[in-house]
Amino acid sequence: MKIGCRPEQLQLEKRECLEPALAFYMIIAWRVLFLTMLGRDCPEMPCDTVFADEQRKAVDLVTQRKPPPDEPPSLDTMVHMAANLGGFLHRKIDGFPHPKPL
């Protein structure tokens, strides 16, 4: 959470402002970790169980640069496409994407 979200750069001085921001970032960190673990354990699962249709189409449109297909890809494919946006190179030696590029 600290590396990806950088909460120290918010410079929130009051506890009333800091607590909601940290709670929000913790939810994001949990979702990214859940997505990483689920993608490793169930790569053949359709991605629409985790991603909304709009999210899937947006990532597909940006990474593939063509209209998204009607049928959702596998979770493995979707995680790799989302990780490519975060700098994951998808080389043979890289393995499955870690939470940081996601």
PDB file of N, CA and C in Angstrom:
ATOM      1  N   MET A   1       0.833  -1.186   0.000  1.00  0.00           N
ATOM      2  CA  MET A   1       0.000   0.000   0.000  1.00  0.00           C
ATOM      3  C   MET A   1       0.877   1.249   0.000  1.00  0.00           C
ATOM      4  N   LYS A   2       1.957   1.240   0.779  1.00  0.00           N
ATOM      5  CA  LYS A   2       2.778   2.437   0.899  1.00  0.00           C
ATOM      6  C   LYS A   2       3.500   2.752  -0.401  1.00  0.00           C
ATOM      7  N   ILE A   3       3.951   1.725  -1.123  1.00  0.00           N
ATOM      8  CA  ILE A   3       4.684   1.954  -2.364  1.00  0.00           C
ATOM      9  C   ILE A   3       3.747   2.429  -3.472  1.00  0.00           C
ATOM     10  N   GLY A   4       2.614   1.759  -3.633  1.00  0.00           N
ATOM     11  CA  GLY A   4       1.720   2.063  -4.739  1.00  0.00           C
ATOM     12  C   GLY A   4       0.904   3.324  -4.575  1.00  0.00           C
ATOM     13  N   CYS A   5       0.421   3.579  -3.366  1.00  0.00           N
ATOM     14  CA  CYS A   5      -0.490   4.708  -3.153  1.00  0.00           C
ATOM     15  C   CYS A   5       0.202   5.956  -2.645  1.00  0.00           C
ATOM     16  N   ARG A   6       1.356   5.806  -2.012  1.00  0.00           N
ATOM     17  CA  ARG A   6       2.132   6.924  -1.460  1.00  0.00           C
ATOM     18  C   ARG A   6       1.288   7.835  -0.556  1.00  0.00           C
ATOM     19  N   PRO A   7       0.749   7.297   0.541  1.00  0.00           N
ATOM     20  CA  PRO A   7      -0.102   8.126   1.401  1.00  0.00           C
ATOM     21  C   PRO A   7       0.641   9.258   2.096  1.00  0.00           C
ATOM     22  N   GLU A   8       1.971   9.139   2.211  1.00  0.00           N
ATOM     23  CA  GLU A   8       2.720  10.221   2.872  1.00  0.00           C
ATOM     24  C   GLU A   8       2.747  11.485   2.026  1.00  0.00           C
ATOM     25  N   GLN A   9       2.489  11.387   0.724  1.00  0.00           N
ATOM     26  CA  GLN A   9       2.476  12.571  -0.129  1.00  0.00           C
ATOM     27  C   GLN A   9       1.179  13.365  -0.012  1.00  0.00           C
ATOM     28  N   LEU A  10       0.176  12.799   0.643  1.00  0.00           N
ATOM     29  CA  LEU A  10      -1.073  13.530   0.845  1.00  0.00           C
ATOM     30  C   LEU A  10      -0.891  14.698   1.813  1.00  0.00           C
ATOM     31  N   GLN A  11       0.029  14.542   2.735  1.00  0.00           N
ATOM     32  CA  GLN A  11       0.323  15.567   3.743  1.00  0.00           C
ATOM     33  C   GLN A  11      -0.932  15.999   4.492  1.00  0.00           C
ATOM     34  N   LEU A  12      -1.700  15.017   4.893  1.00  0.00           N
ATOM     35  CA  LEU A  12      -2.892  15.299   5.675  1.00  0.00           C
ATOM     36  C   LEU A  12      -2.482  15.495   7.126  1.00  0.00           C
ATOM     37  N   GLU A  13      -2.851  16.603   7.713  1.00  0.00           N
ATOM     38  CA  GLU A  13      -2.392  16.942   9.049  1.00  0.00           C
ATOM     39  C   GLU A  13      -3.359  16.512  10.140  1.00  0.00           C
ATOM     40  N   LYS A  14      -4.621  16.416   9.831  1.00  0.00           N
ATOM     41  CA  LYS A  14      -5.610  16.079  10.848  1.00  0.00           C
ATOM     42  C   LYS A  14      -6.015  14.618  10.738  1.00  0.00           C
ATOM     43  N   ARG A  15      -6.273  14.028  11.872  1.00  0.00           N
ATOM     44  CA  ARG A  15      -6.656  12.628  11.917  1.00  0.00           C
ATOM     45  C   ARG A  15      -7.973  12.380  11.176  1.00  0.00           C
ATOM     46  N   GLU A  16      -8.889  13.333  11.212  1.00  0.00           N
ATOM     47  CA  GLU A  16     -10.185  13.185  10.559  1.00  0.00           C
ATOM     48  C   GLU A  16     -10.044  13.077   9.041  1.00  0.00           C
ATOM     49  N   CYS A  17      -8.979  13.641   8.512  1.00  0.00           N
ATOM     50  CA  CYS A  17      -8.744  13.560   7.065  1.00  0.00           C
ATOM     51  C   CYS A  17      -7.907  12.337   6.699  1.00  0.00           C
ATOM     52  N   LEU A  18      -7.016  11.958   7.582  1.00  0.00           N
ATOM     53  CA  LEU A  18      -6.098  10.864   7.287  1.00  0.00           C
ATOM     54  C   LEU A  18      -6.782   9.495   7.345  1.00  0.00           C
ATOM     55  N   GLU A  19      -7.662   9.285   8.302  1.00  0.00           N
ATOM     56  CA  GLU A  19      -8.295   7.981   8.474  1.00  0.00           C
ATOM     57  C   GLU A  19      -9.130   7.546   7.261  1.00  0.00           C
ATOM     58  N   PRO A  20      -9.980   8.408   6.687  1.00  0.00           N
ATOM     59  CA  PRO A  20     -10.718   7.968   5.484  1.00  0.00           C
ATOM     60  C   PRO A  20      -9.801   7.684   4.293  1.00  0.00           C
ATOM     61  N   ALA A  21      -8.738   8.471   4.156  1.00  0.00           N
ATOM     62  CA  ALA A  21      -7.808   8.240   3.048  1.00  0.00           C
ATOM     63  C   ALA A  21      -7.111   6.896   3.213  1.00  0.00           C
ATOM     64  N   LEU A  22      -6.678   6.580   4.424  1.00  0.00           N
ATOM     65  CA  LEU A  22      -6.025   5.294   4.669  1.00  0.00           C
ATOM     66  C   LEU A  22      -6.994   4.131   4.475  1.00  0.00           C
ATOM     67  N   ALA A  23      -8.233   4.302   4.895  1.00  0.00           N
ATOM     68  CA  ALA A  23      -9.226   3.249   4.703  1.00  0.00           C
ATOM     69  C   ALA A  23      -9.466   2.995   3.216  1.00  0.00           C
ATOM     70  N   PHE A  24      -9.538   4.060   2.437  1.00  0.00           N
ATOM     71  CA  PHE A  24      -9.729   3.942   0.995  1.00  0.00           C
ATOM     72  C   PHE A  24      -8.546   3.219   0.351  1.00  0.00           C
ATOM     73  N   TYR A  25      -7.333   3.601   0.728  1.00  0.00           N
ATOM     74  CA  TYR A  25      -6.143   2.962   0.171  1.00  0.00           C
ATOM     75  C   TYR A  25      -6.019   1.507   0.609  1.00  0.00           C
ATOM     76  N   MET A  26      -6.471   1.186   1.800  1.00  0.00           N
ATOM     77  CA  MET A  26      -6.430  -0.203   2.253  1.00  0.00           C
ATOM     78  C   MET A  26      -7.407  -1.070   1.453  1.00  0.00           C
ATOM     79  N   ILE A  27      -8.541  -0.513   1.078  1.00  0.00           N
ATOM     80  CA  ILE A  27      -9.490  -1.251   0.241  1.00  0.00           C
ATOM     81  C   ILE A  27      -8.877  -1.516  -1.133  1.00  0.00           C
ATOM     82  N   ILE A  28      -8.204  -0.524  -1.689  1.00  0.00           N
ATOM     83  CA  ILE A  28      -7.549  -0.699  -2.986  1.00  0.00           C
ATOM     84  C   ILE A  28      -6.454  -1.755  -2.887  1.00  0.00           C
ATOM     85  N   ALA A  29      -5.638  -1.695  -1.828  1.00  0.00           N
ATOM     86  CA  ALA A  29      -4.563  -2.671  -1.650  1.00  0.00           C
ATOM     87  C   ALA A  29      -5.125  -4.076  -1.489  1.00  0.00           C
ATOM     88  N   TRP A  30      -6.231  -4.213  -0.756  1.00  0.00           N
ATOM     89  CA  TRP A  30      -6.850  -5.526  -0.597  1.00  0.00           C
ATOM     90  C   TRP A  30      -7.338  -6.060  -1.927  1.00  0.00           C
ATOM     91  N   ARG A  31      -7.964  -5.213  -2.722  1.00  0.00           N
ATOM     92  CA  ARG A  31      -8.498  -5.666  -4.014  1.00  0.00           C
ATOM     93  C   ARG A  31      -7.379  -6.089  -4.962  1.00  0.00           C
ATOM     94  N   VAL A  32      -6.271  -5.359  -4.964  1.00  0.00           N
ATOM     95  CA  VAL A  32      -5.150  -5.715  -5.828  1.00  0.00           C
ATOM     96  C   VAL A  32      -4.543  -7.045  -5.387  1.00  0.00           C
ATOM     97  N   LEU A  33      -4.371  -7.233  -4.094  1.00  0.00           N
ATOM     98  CA  LEU A  33      -3.820  -8.492  -3.599  1.00  0.00           C
ATOM     99  C   LEU A  33      -4.776  -9.651  -3.883  1.00  0.00           C
ATOM    100  N   PHE A  34      -6.073  -9.428  -3.699  1.00  0.00           N
ATOM    101  CA  PHE A  34      -7.076 -10.453  -3.999  1.00  0.00           C
ATOM    102  C   PHE A  34      -7.039 -10.830  -5.474  1.00  0.00           C
ATOM    103  N   LEU A  35      -6.917  -9.838  -6.332  1.00  0.00           N
ATOM    104  CA  LEU A  35      -6.859 -10.082  -7.766  1.00  0.00           C
ATOM    105  C   LEU A  35      -5.602 -10.865  -8.136  1.00  0.00           C
ATOM    106  N   THR A  36      -4.492 -10.550  -7.504  1.00  0.00           N
ATOM    107  CA  THR A  36      -3.247 -11.268  -7.761  1.00  0.00           C
ATOM    108  C   THR A  36      -3.371 -12.733  -7.352  1.00  0.00           C
ATOM    109  N   MET A  37      -3.860 -12.973  -6.151  1.00  0.00           N
ATOM    110  CA  MET A  37      -3.987 -14.348  -5.667  1.00  0.00           C
ATOM    111  C   MET A  37      -5.030 -15.141  -6.461  1.00  0.00           C
ATOM    112  N   LEU A  38      -6.136 -14.524  -6.794  1.00  0.00           N
ATOM    113  CA  LEU A  38      -7.175 -15.203  -7.568  1.00  0.00           C
ATOM    114  C   LEU A  38      -6.686 -15.515  -8.980  1.00  0.00           C
ATOM    115  N   GLY A  39      -5.931 -14.607  -9.564  1.00  0.00           N
ATOM    116  CA  GLY A  39      -5.378 -14.849 -10.896  1.00  0.00           C
ATOM    117  C   GLY A  39      -4.377 -15.986 -10.916  1.00  0.00           C
ATOM    118  N   ARG A  40      -3.643 -16.163  -9.829  1.00  0.00           N
ATOM    119  CA  ARG A  40      -2.699 -17.280  -9.749  1.00  0.00           C
ATOM    120  C   ARG A  40      -3.406 -18.602  -9.522  1.00  0.00           C
ATOM    121  N   ASP A  41      -4.456 -18.596  -8.708  1.00  0.00           N
ATOM    122  CA  ASP A  41      -5.133 -19.839  -8.355  1.00  0.00           C
ATOM    123  C   ASP A  41      -6.147 -20.286  -9.403  1.00  0.00           C
ATOM    124  N   CYS A  42      -6.846 -19.348 -10.024  1.00  0.00           N
ATOM    125  CA  CYS A  42      -7.914 -19.677 -10.987  1.00  0.00           C
ATOM    126  C   CYS A  42      -7.724 -18.897 -12.280  1.00  0.00           C
ATOM    127  N   PRO A  43      -6.663 -19.180 -13.049  1.00  0.00           N
ATOM    128  CA  PRO A  43      -6.423 -18.376 -14.251  1.00  0.00           C
ATOM    129  C   PRO A  43      -7.454 -18.571 -15.355  1.00  0.00           C
ATOM    130  N   GLU A  44      -8.153 -19.708 -15.368  1.00  0.00           N
ATOM    131  CA  GLU A  44      -9.106 -19.973 -16.441  1.00  0.00           C
ATOM    132  C   GLU A  44     -10.482 -19.375 -16.178  1.00  0.00           C
ATOM    133  N   MET A  45     -10.696 -18.805 -15.005  1.00  0.00           N
ATOM    134  CA  MET A  45     -11.985 -18.195 -14.659  1.00  0.00           C
ATOM    135  C   MET A  45     -12.268 -17.007 -15.582  1.00  0.00           C
ATOM    136  N   PRO A  46     -13.512 -16.813 -16.007  1.00  0.00           N
ATOM    137  CA  PRO A  46     -13.806 -15.624 -16.820  1.00  0.00           C
ATOM    138  C   PRO A  46     -13.615 -14.355 -15.995  1.00  0.00           C
ATOM    139  N   CYS A  47     -13.115 -13.330 -16.621  1.00  0.00           N
ATOM    140  CA  CYS A  47     -12.762 -12.109 -15.893  1.00  0.00           C
ATOM    141  C   CYS A  47     -13.981 -11.316 -15.437  1.00  0.00           C
ATOM    142  N   ASP A  48     -15.153 -11.591 -15.990  1.00  0.00           N
ATOM    143  CA  ASP A  48     -16.326 -10.814 -15.592  1.00  0.00           C
ATOM    144  C   ASP A  48     -16.816 -11.147 -14.188  1.00  0.00           C
ATOM    145  N   THR A  49     -16.248 -12.155 -13.538  1.00  0.00           N
ATOM    146  CA  THR A  49     -16.586 -12.427 -12.146  1.00  0.00           C
ATOM    147  C   THR A  49     -15.923 -11.428 -11.211  1.00  0.00           C
ATOM    148  N   VAL A  50     -14.819 -10.822 -11.641  1.00  0.00           N
ATOM    149  CA  VAL A  50     -14.079  -9.869 -10.806  1.00  0.00           C
ATOM    150  C   VAL A  50     -14.190  -8.443 -11.350  1.00  0.00           C
ATOM    151  N   PHE A  51     -14.110  -8.300 -12.648  1.00  0.00           N
ATOM    152  CA  PHE A  51     -14.129  -6.984 -13.285  1.00  0.00           C
ATOM    153  C   PHE A  51     -15.529  -6.665 -13.805  1.00  0.00           C
ATOM    154  N   ALA A  52     -15.913  -5.413 -13.704  1.00  0.00           N
ATOM    155  CA  ALA A  52     -17.156  -4.962 -14.327  1.00  0.00           C
ATOM    156  C   ALA A  52     -16.967  -4.920 -15.841  1.00  0.00           C
ATOM    157  N   ASP A  53     -18.046  -4.946 -16.565  1.00  0.00           N
ATOM    158  CA  ASP A  53     -17.974  -4.953 -18.024  1.00  0.00           C
ATOM    159  C   ASP A  53     -17.278  -3.699 -18.554  1.00  0.00           C
ATOM    160  N   GLU A  54     -17.536  -2.560 -17.927  1.00  0.00           N
ATOM    161  CA  GLU A  54     -16.893  -1.313 -18.359  1.00  0.00           C
ATOM    162  C   GLU A  54     -15.386  -1.349 -18.110  1.00  0.00           C
ATOM    163  N   GLN A  55     -14.968  -1.910 -16.984  1.00  0.00           N
ATOM    164  CA  GLN A  55     -13.536  -2.020 -16.688  1.00  0.00           C
ATOM    165  C   GLN A  55     -12.849  -2.918 -17.706  1.00  0.00           C
ATOM    166  N   ARG A  56     -13.470  -4.050 -17.988  1.00  0.00           N
ATOM    167  CA  ARG A  56     -12.887  -4.992 -18.945  1.00  0.00           C
ATOM    168  C   ARG A  56     -12.744  -4.363 -20.322  1.00  0.00           C
ATOM    169  N   LYS A  57     -13.778  -3.691 -20.758  1.00  0.00           N
ATOM    170  CA  LYS A  57     -13.736  -3.077 -22.091  1.00  0.00           C
ATOM    171  C   LYS A  57     -12.729  -1.942 -22.162  1.00  0.00           C
ATOM    172  N   ALA A  58     -12.603  -1.165 -21.083  1.00  0.00           N
ATOM    173  CA  ALA A  58     -11.648  -0.058 -21.080  1.00  0.00           C
ATOM    174  C   ALA A  58     -10.211  -0.566 -21.137  1.00  0.00           C
ATOM    175  N   VAL A  59      -9.889  -1.568 -20.342  1.00  0.00           N
ATOM    176  CA  VAL A  59      -8.528  -2.125 -20.360  1.00  0.00           C
ATOM    177  C   VAL A  59      -8.241  -2.776 -21.699  1.00  0.00           C
ATOM    178  N   ASP A  60      -9.200  -3.481 -22.236  1.00  0.00           N
ATOM    179  CA  ASP A  60      -9.023  -4.132 -23.536  1.00  0.00           C
ATOM    180  C   ASP A  60      -8.830  -3.107 -24.639  1.00  0.00           C
ATOM    181  N   LEU A  61      -9.576  -2.037 -24.609  1.00  0.00           N
ATOM    182  CA  LEU A  61      -9.469  -0.996 -25.628  1.00  0.00           C
ATOM    183  C   LEU A  61      -8.115  -0.288 -25.565  1.00  0.00           C
ATOM    184  N   VAL A  62      -7.626  -0.010 -24.364  1.00  0.00           N
ATOM    185  CA  VAL A  62      -6.350   0.694 -24.225  1.00  0.00           C
ATOM    186  C   VAL A  62      -5.174  -0.206 -24.582  1.00  0.00           C
ATOM    187  N   THR A  63      -5.195  -1.460 -24.138  1.00  0.00           N
ATOM    188  CA  THR A  63      -4.037  -2.327 -24.368  1.00  0.00           C
ATOM    189  C   THR A  63      -4.019  -2.936 -25.764  1.00  0.00           C
ATOM    190  N   GLN A  64      -5.162  -3.304 -26.309  1.00  0.00           N
ATOM    191  CA  GLN A  64      -5.202  -3.971 -27.614  1.00  0.00           C
ATOM    192  C   GLN A  64      -5.415  -3.005 -28.776  1.00  0.00           C
ATOM    193  N   ARG A  65      -5.912  -1.812 -28.485  1.00  0.00           N
ATOM    194  CA  ARG A  65      -6.172  -0.769 -29.487  1.00  0.00           C
ATOM    195  C   ARG A  65      -7.122  -1.237 -30.599  1.00  0.00           C
ATOM    196  N   LYS A  66      -8.114  -2.007 -30.185  1.00  0.00           N
ATOM    197  CA  LYS A  66      -9.167  -2.426 -31.105  1.00  0.00           C
ATOM    198  C   LYS A  66     -10.420  -2.662 -30.271  1.00  0.00           C
ATOM    199  N   PRO A  67     -11.579  -2.703 -30.885  1.00  0.00           N
ATOM    200  CA  PRO A  67     -12.811  -2.906 -30.103  1.00  0.00           C
ATOM    201  C   PRO A  67     -12.761  -4.215 -29.327  1.00  0.00           C
ATOM    202  N   PRO A  68     -13.229  -4.193 -28.085  1.00  0.00           N
ATOM    203  CA  PRO A  68     -13.175  -5.410 -27.267  1.00  0.00           C
ATOM    204  C   PRO A  68     -14.161  -6.463 -27.767  1.00  0.00           C
ATOM    205  N   PRO A  69     -13.818  -7.739 -27.581  1.00  0.00           N
ATOM    206  CA  PRO A  69     -14.742  -8.798 -28.000  1.00  0.00           C
ATOM    207  C   PRO A  69     -15.946  -8.868 -27.069  1.00  0.00           C
ATOM    208  N   ASP A  70     -17.010  -9.489 -27.542  1.00  0.00           N
ATOM    209  CA  ASP A  70     -18.215  -9.618 -26.728  1.00  0.00           C
ATOM    210  C   ASP A  70     -18.017 -10.594 -25.568  1.00  0.00           C
ATOM    211  N   GLU A  71     -17.265 -11.649 -25.805  1.00  0.00           N
ATOM    212  CA  GLU A  71     -17.027 -12.652 -24.772  1.00  0.00           C
ATOM    213  C   GLU A  71     -15.844 -12.213 -23.895  1.00  0.00           C
ATOM    214  N   PRO A  72     -15.990 -12.260 -22.572  1.00  0.00           N
ATOM    215  CA  PRO A  72     -14.904 -11.824 -21.704  1.00  0.00           C
ATOM    216  C   PRO A  72     -13.730 -12.797 -21.756  1.00  0.00           C
ATOM    217  N   PRO A  73     -12.493 -12.285 -21.712  1.00  0.00           N
ATOM    218  CA  PRO A  73     -11.322 -13.166 -21.705  1.00  0.00           C
ATOM    219  C   PRO A  73     -11.160 -13.840 -20.338  1.00  0.00           C
ATOM    220  N   SER A  74     -10.179 -14.701 -20.240  1.00  0.00           N
ATOM    221  CA  SER A  74      -9.915 -15.363 -18.965  1.00  0.00           C
ATOM    222  C   SER A  74      -9.318 -14.356 -17.980  1.00  0.00           C
ATOM    223  N   LEU A  75      -9.367 -14.703 -16.717  1.00  0.00           N
ATOM    224  CA  LEU A  75      -8.821 -13.825 -15.684  1.00  0.00           C
ATOM    225  C   LEU A  75      -7.314 -13.654 -15.859  1.00  0.00           C
ATOM    226  N   ASP A  76      -6.629 -14.701 -16.285  1.00  0.00           N
ATOM    227  CA  ASP A  76      -5.192 -14.629 -16.527  1.00  0.00           C
ATOM    228  C   ASP A  76      -4.869 -13.586 -17.591  1.00  0.00           C
ATOM    229  N   THR A  77      -5.607 -13.601 -18.678  1.00  0.00           N
ATOM    230  CA  THR A  77      -5.393 -12.633 -19.756  1.00  0.00           C
ATOM    231  C   THR A  77      -5.668 -11.215 -19.283  1.00  0.00           C
ATOM    232  N   MET A  78      -6.738 -11.044 -18.538  1.00  0.00           N
ATOM    233  CA  MET A  78      -7.118  -9.716 -18.054  1.00  0.00           C
ATOM    234  C   MET A  78      -6.101  -9.167 -17.053  1.00  0.00           C
ATOM    235  N   VAL A  79      -5.603 -10.013 -16.166  1.00  0.00           N
ATOM    236  CA  VAL A  79      -4.596  -9.572 -15.190  1.00  0.00           C
ATOM    237  C   VAL A  79      -3.319  -9.169 -15.912  1.00  0.00           C
ATOM    238  N   HIS A  80      -2.934  -9.926 -16.922  1.00  0.00           N
ATOM    239  CA  HIS A  80      -1.736  -9.565 -17.682  1.00  0.00           C
ATOM    240  C   HIS A  80      -1.927  -8.248 -18.445  1.00  0.00           C
ATOM    241  N   MET A  81      -3.113  -8.030 -19.000  1.00  0.00           N
ATOM    242  CA  MET A  81      -3.359  -6.765 -19.699  1.00  0.00           C
ATOM    243  C   MET A  81      -3.323  -5.591 -18.727  1.00  0.00           C
ATOM    244  N   ALA A  82      -3.916  -5.753 -17.546  1.00  0.00           N
ATOM    245  CA  ALA A  82      -3.897  -4.674 -16.550  1.00  0.00           C
ATOM    246  C   ALA A  82      -2.492  -4.442 -16.027  1.00  0.00           C
ATOM    247  N   ALA A  83      -1.715  -5.503 -15.861  1.00  0.00           N
ATOM    248  CA  ALA A  83      -0.340  -5.356 -15.375  1.00  0.00           C
ATOM    249  C   ALA A  83       0.554  -4.691 -16.424  1.00  0.00           C
ATOM    250  N   ASN A  84       0.248  -4.889 -17.699  1.00  0.00           N
ATOM    251  CA  ASN A  84       1.007  -4.207 -18.755  1.00  0.00           C
ATOM    252  C   ASN A  84       0.884  -2.694 -18.623  1.00  0.00           C
ATOM    253  N   LEU A  85      -0.269  -2.235 -18.178  1.00  0.00           N
ATOM    254  CA  LEU A  85      -0.450  -0.792 -17.968  1.00  0.00           C
ATOM    255  C   LEU A  85       0.421  -0.287 -16.820  1.00  0.00           C
ATOM    256  N   GLY A  86       0.762  -1.168 -15.891  1.00  0.00           N
ATOM    257  CA  GLY A  86       1.595  -0.802 -14.750  1.00  0.00           C
ATOM    258  C   GLY A  86       3.076  -1.039 -14.968  1.00  0.00           C
ATOM    259  N   GLY A  87       3.474  -1.470 -16.153  1.00  0.00           N
ATOM    260  CA  GLY A  87       4.879  -1.648 -16.463  1.00  0.00           C
ATOM    261  C   GLY A  87       5.341  -3.096 -16.495  1.00  0.00           C
ATOM    262  N   PHE A  88       4.440  -4.047 -16.401  1.00  0.00           N
ATOM    263  CA  PHE A  88       4.814  -5.454 -16.467  1.00  0.00           C
ATOM    264  C   PHE A  88       5.178  -5.796 -17.899  1.00  0.00           C
ATOM    265  N   LEU A  89       6.330  -6.451 -18.105  1.00  0.00           N
ATOM    266  CA  LEU A  89       6.835  -6.690 -19.454  1.00  0.00           C
ATOM    267  C   LEU A  89       6.405  -8.020 -20.051  1.00  0.00           C
ATOM    268  N   HIS A  90       5.904  -8.950 -19.252  1.00  0.00           N
ATOM    269  CA  HIS A  90       5.384 -10.243 -19.704  1.00  0.00           C
ATOM    270  C   HIS A  90       6.452 -11.050 -20.435  1.00  0.00           C
ATOM    271  N   ARG A  91       7.656 -11.084 -19.841  1.00  0.00           N
ATOM    272  CA  ARG A  91       8.706 -11.938 -20.386  1.00  0.00           C
ATOM    273  C   ARG A  91       8.573 -13.325 -19.779  1.00  0.00           C
ATOM    274  N   LYS A  92       9.265 -14.289 -20.364  1.00  0.00           N
ATOM    275  CA  LYS A  92       9.186 -15.653 -19.877  1.00  0.00           C
ATOM    276  C   LYS A  92       9.681 -15.784 -18.438  1.00  0.00           C
ATOM    277  N   ILE A  93      10.704 -15.048 -18.093  1.00  0.00           N
ATOM    278  CA  ILE A  93      11.300 -15.162 -16.757  1.00  0.00           C
ATOM    279  C   ILE A  93      10.531 -14.384 -15.694  1.00  0.00           C
ATOM    280  N   ASP A  94       9.577 -13.562 -16.086  1.00  0.00           N
ATOM    281  CA  ASP A  94       8.867 -12.712 -15.139  1.00  0.00           C
ATOM    282  C   ASP A  94       7.829 -13.462 -14.312  1.00  0.00           C
ATOM    283  N   GLY A  95       7.253 -14.502 -14.847  1.00  0.00           N
ATOM    284  CA  GLY A  95       6.214 -15.232 -14.129  1.00  0.00           C
ATOM    285  C   GLY A  95       4.900 -14.459 -14.117  1.00  0.00           C
ATOM    286  N   PHE A  96       4.112 -14.695 -13.064  1.00  0.00           N
ATOM    287  CA  PHE A  96       2.819 -14.019 -12.936  1.00  0.00           C
ATOM    288  C   PHE A  96       3.036 -12.625 -12.355  1.00  0.00           C
ATOM    289  N   PRO A  97       2.245 -11.637 -12.759  1.00  0.00           N
ATOM    290  CA  PRO A  97       2.426 -10.270 -12.251  1.00  0.00           C
ATOM    291  C   PRO A  97       2.239 -10.189 -10.732  1.00  0.00           C
ATOM    292  N   HIS A  98       3.073  -9.411 -10.110  1.00  0.00           N
ATOM    293  CA  HIS A  98       2.982  -9.144  -8.680  1.00  0.00           C
ATOM    294  C   HIS A  98       2.040  -7.980  -8.436  1.00  0.00           C
ATOM    295  N   PRO A  99       1.701  -7.692  -7.196  1.00  0.00           N
ATOM    296  CA  PRO A  99       0.772  -6.574  -6.914  1.00  0.00           C
ATOM    297  C   PRO A  99       1.285  -5.205  -7.354  1.00  0.00           C
ATOM    298  N   LYS A 100       2.593  -5.008  -7.380  1.00  0.00           N
ATOM    299  CA  LYS A 100       3.116  -3.671  -7.703  1.00  0.00           C
ATOM    300  C   LYS A 100       2.727  -3.204  -9.115  1.00  0.00           C
ATOM    301  N   PRO A 101       2.886  -3.986 -10.190  1.00  0.00           N
ATOM    302  CA  PRO A 101       2.449  -3.475 -11.497  1.00  0.00           C
ATOM    303  C   PRO A 101       0.935  -3.398 -11.628  1.00  0.00           C
ATOM    304  N   LEU A 102       0.211  -4.189 -10.841  1.00  0.00           N
ATOM    305  CA  LEU A 102      -1.249  -4.115 -10.899  1.00  0.00           C
ATOM    306  C   LEU A 102      -1.723  -2.845 -10.241  1.00  0.00           C
TER     307      LEU A 102
END
